[in-house]
C-alpha atoms as a PDB file:
ATOM      1  CA  UNK A   1      89.795 182.908  65.266  1.00  0.00           C
ATOM      2  CA  UNK A   2      90.252 184.155  61.798  1.00  0.00           C
ATOM      3  CA  UNK A   3      92.076 187.406  61.349  1.00  0.00           C
ATOM      4  CA  UNK A   4      91.534 189.323  59.332  1.00  0.00           C
ATOM      5  CA  UNK A   5      87.916 188.152  59.418  1.00  0.00           C
ATOM      6  CA  UNK A   6      87.690 187.985  55.657  1.00  0.00           C
ATOM      7  CA  UNK A   7      90.459 185.397  55.602  1.00  0.00           C
ATOM      8  CA  UNK A   8      89.328 181.896  54.648  1.00  0.00           C
ATOM      9  CA  UNK A   9      91.854 180.104  56.957  1.00  0.00           C
ATOM     10  CA  UNK A  10      91.923 179.821  60.715  1.00  0.00           C
ATOM     11  CA  UNK A  11      95.497 180.163  62.003  1.00  0.00           C
ATOM     12  CA  UNK A  12      94.626 177.880  65.005  1.00  0.00           C
ATOM     13  CA  UNK A  13      93.319 175.111  62.831  1.00  0.00           C
ATOM     14  CA  UNK A  14      95.595 172.008  62.922  1.00  0.00           C
ATOM     15  CA  UNK A  15      96.796 170.797  59.644  1.00  0.00           C
ATOM     16  CA  UNK A  16      96.555 167.034  58.956  1.00  0.00           C
ATOM     17  CA  UNK A  17      99.891 165.247  59.129  1.00  0.00           C
ATOM     18  CA  UNK A  18     100.621 161.956  57.433  1.00  0.00           C
ATOM     19  CA  UNK A  19     101.554 159.134  59.835  1.00  0.00           C
ATOM     20  CA  UNK A  20     104.606 158.347  57.740  1.00  0.00           C
ATOM     21  CA  UNK A  21     105.896 161.848  58.380  1.00  0.00           C
ATOM     22  CA  UNK A  22     105.358 161.347  62.131  1.00  0.00           C
ATOM     23  CA  UNK A  23     107.157 158.009  62.005  1.00  0.00           C
ATOM     24  CA  UNK A  24     110.108 159.484  60.229  1.00  0.00           C
ATOM     25  CA  UNK A  25     110.235 162.340  62.700  1.00  0.00           C
ATOM     26  CA  UNK A  26     110.451 160.008  65.747  1.00  0.00           C
ATOM     27  CA  UNK A  27     113.849 159.717  67.375  1.00  0.00           C
ATOM     28  CA  UNK A  28     114.451 155.938  67.424  1.00  0.00           C
ATOM     29  CA  UNK A  29     117.944 156.137  68.872  1.00  0.00           C
ATOM     30  CA  UNK A  30     116.430 156.004  72.353  1.00  0.00           C
ATOM     31  CA  UNK A  31     115.026 152.536  71.627  1.00  0.00           C
ATOM     32  CA  UNK A  32     118.169 151.172  70.014  1.00  0.00           C
ATOM     33  CA  UNK A  33     120.628 152.479  72.555  1.00  0.00           C
ATOM     34  CA  UNK A  34     122.427 149.413  74.087  1.00  0.00           C
ATOM     35  CA  UNK A  35     122.231 151.048  77.518  1.00  0.00           C
ATOM     36  CA  UNK A  36     118.461 150.805  77.325  1.00  0.00           C
ATOM     37  CA  UNK A  37     118.064 147.557  75.354  1.00  0.00           C
ATOM     38  CA  UNK A  38     120.531 145.381  77.273  1.00  0.00           C
ATOM     39  CA  UNK A  39     118.804 145.542  80.705  1.00  0.00           C
ATOM     40  CA  UNK A  40     115.441 144.733  79.116  1.00  0.00           C
ATOM     41  CA  UNK A  41     116.853 141.720  77.260  1.00  0.00           C
ATOM     42  CA  UNK A  42     118.655 140.449  80.385  1.00  0.00           C
ATOM     43  CA  UNK A  43     115.573 140.841  82.569  1.00  0.00           C
ATOM     44  CA  UNK A  44     113.405 138.991  80.045  1.00  0.00           C
ATOM     45  CA  UNK A  45     115.956 136.165  79.774  1.00  0.00           C
ATOM     46  CA  UNK A  46     116.190 135.853  83.559  1.00  0.00           C
ATOM     47  CA  UNK A  47     112.415 135.697  83.981  1.00  0.00           C
ATOM     48  CA  UNK A  48     111.958 133.106  81.218  1.00  0.00           C
ATOM     49  CA  UNK A  49     114.943 131.068  82.417  1.00  0.00           C
ATOM     50  CA  UNK A  50     113.724 131.098  86.008  1.00  0.00           C
ATOM     51  CA  UNK A  51     110.273 129.939  84.969  1.00  0.00           C
ATOM     52  CA  UNK A  52     111.734 127.157  82.825  1.00  0.00           C
ATOM     53  CA  UNK A  53     114.013 126.039  85.675  1.00  0.00           C
ATOM     54  CA  UNK A  54     111.086 126.014  88.089  1.00  0.00           C
ATOM     55  CA  UNK A  55     108.938 123.922  85.743  1.00  0.00           C
ATOM     56  CA  UNK A  56     111.754 121.453  85.144  1.00  0.00           C
ATOM     57  CA  UNK A  57     113.315 121.099  88.591  1.00  0.00           C
ATOM     58  CA  UNK A  58     111.324 122.761  91.378  1.00  0.00           C
ATOM     59  CA  UNK A  59     107.672 122.152  90.522  1.00  0.00           C
ATOM     60  CA  UNK A  60     106.218 119.455  92.771  1.00  0.00           C
ATOM     61  CA  UNK A  61     104.490 116.497  91.125  1.00  0.00           C
ATOM     62  CA  UNK A  62     101.623 115.320  93.350  1.00  0.00           C
ATOM     63  CA  UNK A  63     100.573 112.202  91.404  1.00  0.00           C
ATOM     64  CA  UNK A  64     101.971 109.838  88.777  1.00  0.00           C
ATOM     65  CA  UNK A  65      99.226 110.836  86.340  1.00  0.00           C
ATOM     66  CA  UNK A  66     100.656 114.378  86.282  1.00  0.00           C
ATOM     67  CA  UNK A  67     104.159 113.373  85.199  1.00  0.00           C
ATOM     68  CA  UNK A  68     104.830 114.894  81.778  1.00  0.00           C
ATOM     69  CA  UNK A  69     105.764 112.575  78.870  1.00  0.00           C
ATOM     70  CA  UNK A  70     109.141 114.308  78.529  1.00  0.00           C
ATOM     71  CA  UNK A  71     109.956 113.355  82.128  1.00  0.00           C
ATOM     72  CA  UNK A  72     110.003 109.573  81.648  1.00  0.00           C
ATOM     73  CA  UNK A  73     113.455 107.965  81.295  1.00  0.00           C
ATOM     74  CA  UNK A  74     115.166 111.335  81.594  1.00  0.00           C
ATOM     75  CA  UNK A  75     114.480 112.517  85.113  1.00  0.00           C
ATOM     76  CA  UNK A  76     114.102 111.243  88.664  1.00  0.00           C
ATOM     77  CA  UNK A  77     111.820 111.964  91.598  1.00  0.00           C
ATOM     78  CA  UNK A  78     113.305 112.714  95.011  1.00  0.00           C
ATOM     79  CA  UNK A  79     111.097 112.518  98.047  1.00  0.00           C
ATOM     80  CA  UNK A  80     110.038 110.799 101.246  1.00  0.00           C
ATOM     81  CA  UNK A  81     108.246 107.457 101.437  1.00  0.00           C
ATOM     82  CA  UNK A  82     104.940 107.925 103.234  1.00  0.00           C
ATOM     83  CA  UNK A  83     103.411 104.455 102.876  1.00  0.00           C
ATOM     84  CA  UNK A  84     104.443 100.952 101.833  1.00  0.00           C
ATOM     85  CA  UNK A  85     101.452  99.122 100.386  1.00  0.00           C
ATOM     86  CA  UNK A  86     102.993  95.762  99.473  1.00  0.00           C
ATOM     87  CA  UNK A  87     106.282  94.066  98.750  1.00  0.00           C
ATOM     88  CA  UNK A  88     107.055  96.001  95.586  1.00  0.00           C
ATOM     89  CA  UNK A  89     105.086  99.235  95.793  1.00  0.00           C
ATOM     90  CA  UNK A  90     104.894 102.363  97.903  1.00  0.00           C
ATOM     91  CA  UNK A  91     103.851 106.002  97.918  1.00  0.00           C
ATOM     92  CA  UNK A  92     106.277 108.884  97.574  1.00  0.00           C
ATOM     93  CA  UNK A  93     105.820 112.527  98.541  1.00  0.00           C
ATOM     94  CA  UNK A  94     107.785 114.422  95.899  1.00  0.00           C
ATOM     95  CA  UNK A  95     110.238 117.001  97.294  1.00  0.00           C
ATOM     96  CA  UNK A  96     111.885 118.660  94.256  1.00  0.00           C
ATOM     97  CA  UNK A  97     115.248 120.163  95.087  1.00  0.00           C
ATOM     98  CA  UNK A  98     115.429 118.399  98.444  1.00  0.00           C
ATOM     99  CA  UNK A  99     116.833 120.266 101.412  1.00  0.00           C
ATOM    100  CA  UNK A 100     118.503 122.806  99.133  1.00  0.00           C
ATOM    101  CA  UNK A 101     115.004 123.914  98.138  1.00  0.00           C
ATOM    102  CA  UNK A 102     113.964 124.188 101.792  1.00  0.00           C
ATOM    103  CA  UNK A 103     112.152 120.890 102.187  1.00  0.00           C
ATOM    104  CA  UNK A 104     111.743 119.705 105.780  1.00  0.00           C
ATOM    105  CA  UNK A 105     113.416 122.719 107.383  1.00  0.00           C
ATOM    106  CA  UNK A 106     111.364 125.660 106.118  1.00  0.00           C
ATOM    107  CA  UNK A 107     107.966 125.890 107.858  1.00  0.00           C
ATOM    108  CA  UNK A 108     106.021 125.901 104.571  1.00  0.00           C
ATOM    109  CA  UNK A 109     108.087 123.061 103.066  1.00  0.00           C
ATOM    110  CA  UNK A 110     107.036 120.128 105.216  1.00  0.00           C
ATOM    111  CA  UNK A 111     105.656 116.704 104.352  1.00  0.00           C
ATOM    112  CA  UNK A 112     101.975 116.575 105.371  1.00  0.00           C
ATOM    113  CA  UNK A 113     100.941 114.122 108.047  1.00  0.00           C
ATOM    114  CA  UNK A 114      97.869 111.946 108.142  1.00  0.00           C
ATOM    115  CA  UNK A 115      95.617 110.562 105.458  1.00  0.00           C
ATOM    116  CA  UNK A 116      93.845 113.861 104.822  1.00  0.00           C
ATOM    117  CA  UNK A 117      97.041 115.825 104.218  1.00  0.00           C
ATOM    118  CA  UNK A 118      98.513 113.149 101.938  1.00  0.00           C
ATOM    119  CA  UNK A 119      95.372 112.450  99.919  1.00  0.00           C
ATOM    120  CA  UNK A 120      96.028 113.036  96.193  1.00  0.00           C
ATOM    121  CA  UNK A 121      99.476 114.309  97.165  1.00  0.00           C
ATOM    122  CA  UNK A 122     101.705 111.270  96.657  1.00  0.00           C
ATOM    123  CA  UNK A 123     103.107 109.429  93.660  1.00  0.00           C
ATOM    124  CA  UNK A 124     102.411 105.694  93.523  1.00  0.00           C
ATOM    125  CA  UNK A 125     105.682 103.888  92.743  1.00  0.00           C
ATOM    126  CA  UNK A 126     106.100 100.331  91.414  1.00  0.00           C
ATOM    127  CA  UNK A 127     109.603  98.888  91.748  1.00  0.00           C
ATOM    128  CA  UNK A 128     110.935  98.087  88.279  1.00  0.00           C
ATOM    129  CA  UNK A 129     112.207  94.654  87.355  1.00  0.00           C
ATOM    130  CA  UNK A 130     111.000  92.684  90.382  1.00  0.00           C
ATOM    131  CA  UNK A 131     107.881  90.881  91.580  1.00  0.00           C
ATOM    132  CA  UNK A 132     107.325  90.314  95.302  1.00  0.00           C
ATOM    133  CA  UNK A 133     105.143  87.523  96.747  1.00  0.00           C
ATOM    134  CA  UNK A 134     101.432  88.322  96.833  1.00  0.00           C
ATOM    135  CA  UNK A 135      99.633  89.010 100.078  1.00  0.00           C
ATOM    136  CA  UNK A 136      96.197  87.680 100.989  1.00  0.00           C
ATOM    137  CA  UNK A 137      93.370  89.492  99.239  1.00  0.00           C
ATOM    138  CA  UNK A 138      89.858  88.875  97.905  1.00  0.00           C
ATOM    139  CA  UNK A 139      89.636  85.535  99.709  1.00  0.00           C
ATOM    140  CA  UNK A 140      92.880  84.201  98.249  1.00  0.00           C
ATOM    141  CA  UNK A 141      95.615  83.025 100.627  1.00  0.00           C
ATOM    142  CA  UNK A 142      98.917  84.858 100.878  1.00  0.00           C
ATOM    143  CA  UNK A 143     101.994  83.501  99.178  1.00  0.00           C
ATOM    144  CA  UNK A 144     104.819  82.262 101.405  1.00  0.00           C
ATOM    145  CA  UNK A 145     107.197  85.082 102.389  1.00  0.00           C
ATOM    146  CA  UNK A 146     104.778  87.825 101.333  1.00  0.00           C
ATOM    147  CA  UNK A 147     104.731  89.229 104.855  1.00  0.00           C
ATOM    148  CA  UNK A 148     108.524  89.018 105.100  1.00  0.00           C
ATOM    149  CA  UNK A 149     108.870  90.976 101.850  1.00  0.00           C
ATOM    150  CA  UNK A 150     106.408  93.626 103.023  1.00  0.00           C
ATOM    151  CA  UNK A 151     108.030  93.919 106.465  1.00  0.00           C
ATOM    152  CA  UNK A 152     111.525  94.171 104.992  1.00  0.00           C
ATOM    153  CA  UNK A 153     110.565  96.852 102.470  1.00  0.00           C
ATOM    154  CA  UNK A 154     108.701  98.808 105.157  1.00  0.00           C
ATOM    155  CA  UNK A 155     111.692  98.762 107.491  1.00  0.00           C
ATOM    156  CA  UNK A 156     114.085  99.615 104.666  1.00  0.00           C
ATOM    157  CA  UNK A 157     112.424 102.662 103.110  1.00  0.00           C
ATOM    158  CA  UNK A 158     109.383 103.863 105.109  1.00  0.00           C
ATOM    159  CA  UNK A 159     109.793 107.550 106.147  1.00  0.00           C
ATOM    160  CA  UNK A 160     113.160 107.660 104.382  1.00  0.00           C
ATOM    161  CA  UNK A 161     114.215 109.879 101.516  1.00  0.00           C
ATOM    162  CA  UNK A 162     114.628 107.990  98.240  1.00  0.00           C
ATOM    163  CA  UNK A 163     115.319 108.766  94.608  1.00  0.00           C
ATOM    164  CA  UNK A 164     113.181 107.083  91.957  1.00  0.00           C
ATOM    165  CA  UNK A 165     114.328 106.951  88.331  1.00  0.00           C
ATOM    166  CA  UNK A 166     111.006 106.743  86.536  1.00  0.00           C
ATOM    167  CA  UNK A 167     110.600 104.904  83.222  1.00  0.00           C
ATOM    168  CA  UNK A 168     106.900 104.795  82.440  1.00  0.00           C
ATOM    169  CA  UNK A 169     103.375 104.854  83.835  1.00  0.00           C
ATOM    170  CA  UNK A 170     101.758 101.453  84.026  1.00  0.00           C
ATOM    171  CA  UNK A 171      98.094 100.603  83.436  1.00  0.00           C
ATOM    172  CA  UNK A 172      97.318 101.225  87.106  1.00  0.00           C
ATOM    173  CA  UNK A 173      98.697 104.796  87.089  1.00  0.00           C
ATOM    174  CA  UNK A 174     101.855 103.886  88.982  1.00  0.00           C
ATOM    175  CA  UNK A 175     105.300 105.158  88.075  1.00  0.00           C
ATOM    176  CA  UNK A 176     107.539 102.175  87.311  1.00  0.00           C
ATOM    177  CA  UNK A 177     110.952 103.084  88.692  1.00  0.00           C
ATOM    178  CA  UNK A 178     114.331 101.938  89.922  1.00  0.00           C
ATOM    179  CA  UNK A 179     114.579 103.243  93.477  1.00  0.00           C
ATOM    180  CA  UNK A 180     117.690 104.095  95.484  1.00  0.00           C
ATOM    181  CA  UNK A 181     117.983 104.816  99.200  1.00  0.00           C
ATOM    182  CA  UNK A 182     120.957 105.936 101.305  1.00  0.00           C
ATOM    183  CA  UNK A 183     121.998 103.370 103.896  1.00  0.00           C
ATOM    184  CA  UNK A 184     125.189 103.965 105.893  1.00  0.00           C
ATOM    185  CA  UNK A 185     126.235 106.634 103.373  1.00  0.00           C
ATOM    186  CA  UNK A 186     125.961 104.117 100.520  1.00  0.00           C
ATOM    187  CA  UNK A 187     123.355 104.330  97.781  1.00  0.00           C
ATOM    188  CA  UNK A 188     121.402 101.076  97.585  1.00  0.00           C
ATOM    189  CA  UNK A 189     119.213  99.760  94.778  1.00  0.00           C
ATOM    190  CA  UNK A 190     116.080  98.624  96.625  1.00  0.00           C
ATOM    191  CA  UNK A 191     114.901  96.129  93.988  1.00  0.00           C
ATOM    192  CA  UNK A 192     118.347  94.565  93.674  1.00  0.00           C
ATOM    193  CA  UNK A 193     118.583  94.118  97.454  1.00  0.00           C
ATOM    194  CA  UNK A 194     115.223  92.323  97.524  1.00  0.00           C
ATOM    195  CA  UNK A 195     116.350  89.933  94.795  1.00  0.00           C
ATOM    196  CA  UNK A 196     119.585  89.077  96.614  1.00  0.00           C
ATOM    197  CA  UNK A 197     117.689  88.400  99.833  1.00  0.00           C
ATOM    198  CA  UNK A 198     115.257  86.120  98.047  1.00  0.00           C
ATOM    199  CA  UNK A 199     112.291  88.385  98.806  1.00  0.00           C
ATOM    200  CA  UNK A 200     111.313  88.843  95.160  1.00  0.00           C
ATOM    201  CA  UNK A 201     111.726  87.303  91.726  1.00  0.00           C
ATOM    202  CA  UNK A 202     112.722  88.946  88.475  1.00  0.00           C
ATOM    203  CA  UNK A 203     109.612  90.404  86.853  1.00  0.00           C
ATOM    204  CA  UNK A 204     108.464  88.127  84.056  1.00  0.00           C
ATOM    205  CA  UNK A 205     105.953  89.241  81.460  1.00  0.00           C
ATOM    206  CA  UNK A 206     105.434  88.643  77.761  1.00  0.00           C
ATOM    207  CA  UNK A 207     105.478  92.377  77.121  1.00  0.00           C
ATOM    208  CA  UNK A 208     106.018  95.503  79.154  1.00  0.00           C
ATOM    209  CA  UNK A 209     108.735  94.277  81.544  1.00  0.00           C
ATOM    210  CA  UNK A 210     110.847  97.240  82.612  1.00  0.00           C
ATOM    211  CA  UNK A 211     114.270  97.035  84.250  1.00  0.00           C
ATOM    212  CA  UNK A 212     115.977 100.292  83.479  1.00  0.00           C
ATOM    213  CA  UNK A 213     119.170 100.775  81.450  1.00  0.00           C
ATOM    214  CA  UNK A 214     121.590  97.849  81.843  1.00  0.00           C
ATOM    215  CA  UNK A 215     119.907  96.397  84.944  1.00  0.00           C
ATOM    216  CA  UNK A 216     118.204  93.256  83.644  1.00  0.00           C
ATOM    217  CA  UNK A 217     121.362  91.116  83.613  1.00  0.00           C
ATOM    218  CA  UNK A 218     122.360  92.409  87.050  1.00  0.00           C
ATOM    219  CA  UNK A 219     118.916  91.562  88.436  1.00  0.00           C
ATOM    220  CA  UNK A 220     118.956  88.065  86.937  1.00  0.00           C
ATOM    221  CA  UNK A 221     122.369  87.386  88.465  1.00  0.00           C
ATOM    222  CA  UNK A 222     121.036  88.510  91.864  1.00  0.00           C
ATOM    223  CA  UNK A 223     118.044  86.161  91.533  1.00  0.00           C
ATOM    224  CA  UNK A 224     120.341  83.286  90.541  1.00  0.00           C
ATOM    225  CA  UNK A 225     122.594  84.015  93.540  1.00  0.00           C
ATOM    226  CA  UNK A 226     119.626  83.902  95.944  1.00  0.00           C
ATOM    227  CA  UNK A 227     118.226  80.773  94.305  1.00  0.00           C
ATOM    228  CA  UNK A 228     121.498  78.812  94.540  1.00  0.00           C
ATOM    229  CA  UNK A 229     121.806  79.723  98.222  1.00  0.00           C
ATOM    230  CA  UNK A 230     118.118  79.041  98.834  1.00  0.00           C
ATOM    231  CA  UNK A 231     117.483  82.477 100.249  1.00  0.00           C
ATOM    232  CA  UNK A 232     114.033  83.644 101.280  1.00  0.00           C
ATOM    233  CA  UNK A 233     111.256  82.325  99.076  1.00  0.00           C
ATOM    234  CA  UNK A 234     113.699  79.958  97.325  1.00  0.00           C
ATOM    235  CA  UNK A 235     114.385  78.002 100.507  1.00  0.00           C
ATOM    236  CA  UNK A 236     110.956  76.521 101.173  1.00  0.00           C
ATOM    237  CA  UNK A 237     109.119  74.529  98.563  1.00  0.00           C
ATOM    238  CA  UNK A 238     110.636  72.070  96.132  1.00  0.00           C
ATOM    239  CA  UNK A 239     111.429  73.426  92.701  1.00  0.00           C
ATOM    240  CA  UNK A 240     108.547  71.555  91.043  1.00  0.00           C
ATOM    241  CA  UNK A 241     106.102  73.026  93.568  1.00  0.00           C
ATOM    242  CA  UNK A 242     107.560  76.533  93.549  1.00  0.00           C
ATOM    243  CA  UNK A 243     105.096  79.234  92.560  1.00  0.00           C
ATOM    244  CA  UNK A 244     106.307  82.628  91.407  1.00  0.00           C
ATOM    245  CA  UNK A 245     104.214  85.744  92.044  1.00  0.00           C
ATOM    246  CA  UNK A 246     103.286  85.739  88.367  1.00  0.00           C
ATOM    247  CA  UNK A 247     102.198  82.081  88.539  1.00  0.00           C
ATOM    248  CA  UNK A 248     100.102  82.947  91.587  1.00  0.00           C
ATOM    249  CA  UNK A 249      98.304  85.761  89.773  1.00  0.00           C
ATOM    250  CA  UNK A 250      97.627  83.581  86.740  1.00  0.00           C
ATOM    251  CA  UNK A 251      96.431  80.713  88.909  1.00  0.00           C
ATOM    252  CA  UNK A 252      93.936  82.841  90.801  1.00  0.00           C
ATOM    253  CA  UNK A 253      92.878  84.722  87.697  1.00  0.00           C
ATOM    254  CA  UNK A 254      93.443  88.136  89.247  1.00  0.00           C
ATOM    255  CA  UNK A 255      95.074  91.128  87.706  1.00  0.00           C
ATOM    256  CA  UNK A 256      98.016  92.763  89.362  1.00  0.00           C
ATOM    257  CA  UNK A 257      95.829  95.677  90.376  1.00  0.00           C
ATOM    258  CA  UNK A 258      93.896  93.476  92.823  1.00  0.00           C
ATOM    259  CA  UNK A 259      96.757  93.493  95.272  1.00  0.00           C
ATOM    260  CA  UNK A 260      98.902  96.341  94.072  1.00  0.00           C
ATOM    261  CA  UNK A 261      96.741  99.268  95.082  1.00  0.00           C
ATOM    262  CA  UNK A 262      99.291 101.249  97.063  1.00  0.00           C
END
């Protein structure tokens, strides 16, 4: 209300204030005080670091197609083998962090049972560097020792915890990997053991053969050792009649996927 009434200005009327004046009048010391800034910075770093750690080490990978490109050749998958499909392939239920992360002892960290629970929940693994004898499929007869290779691999790793060092995804969406399993407190290379027992040959291909760092020579020595002692598949047919798994696939004109659907 104007007073005196002839005055042209209302004492209650707010005068406009420039925003720059308001900015300059703000007390910014509250926002720059280390006692206030430090906890906020630490909390933000902890949250971001925890999320990054979870994505890198604790996030479960349900299928090989979901493995990130940065994962290949740098990381490994730890988990339990739920199915062995043939002599050089199986399915793995990924358990990141293992028992330290609560797997298999916390009620909500258990491996599913049955086909329904495991559907779209396992990584298909192809053993790197080896080729096991082919089983019977699509009207073609089984190779000698194919059943022995399948039975041995099943007994060696089925329902066991293994670690797979993954190198790449093949054309059938399987993770090609060197796989290790604990037997009598010793870590065993599964592919290497199969070669020494004569249950597989070294994987031969014009392109795309994968052995893992420094393992090709070791694998070839193991194959040579089994061949000279006529172990497994090397002990049956004469050398001129011997047919490798690769020869078998070429002979019958079938791709590897025909029999390698694990």
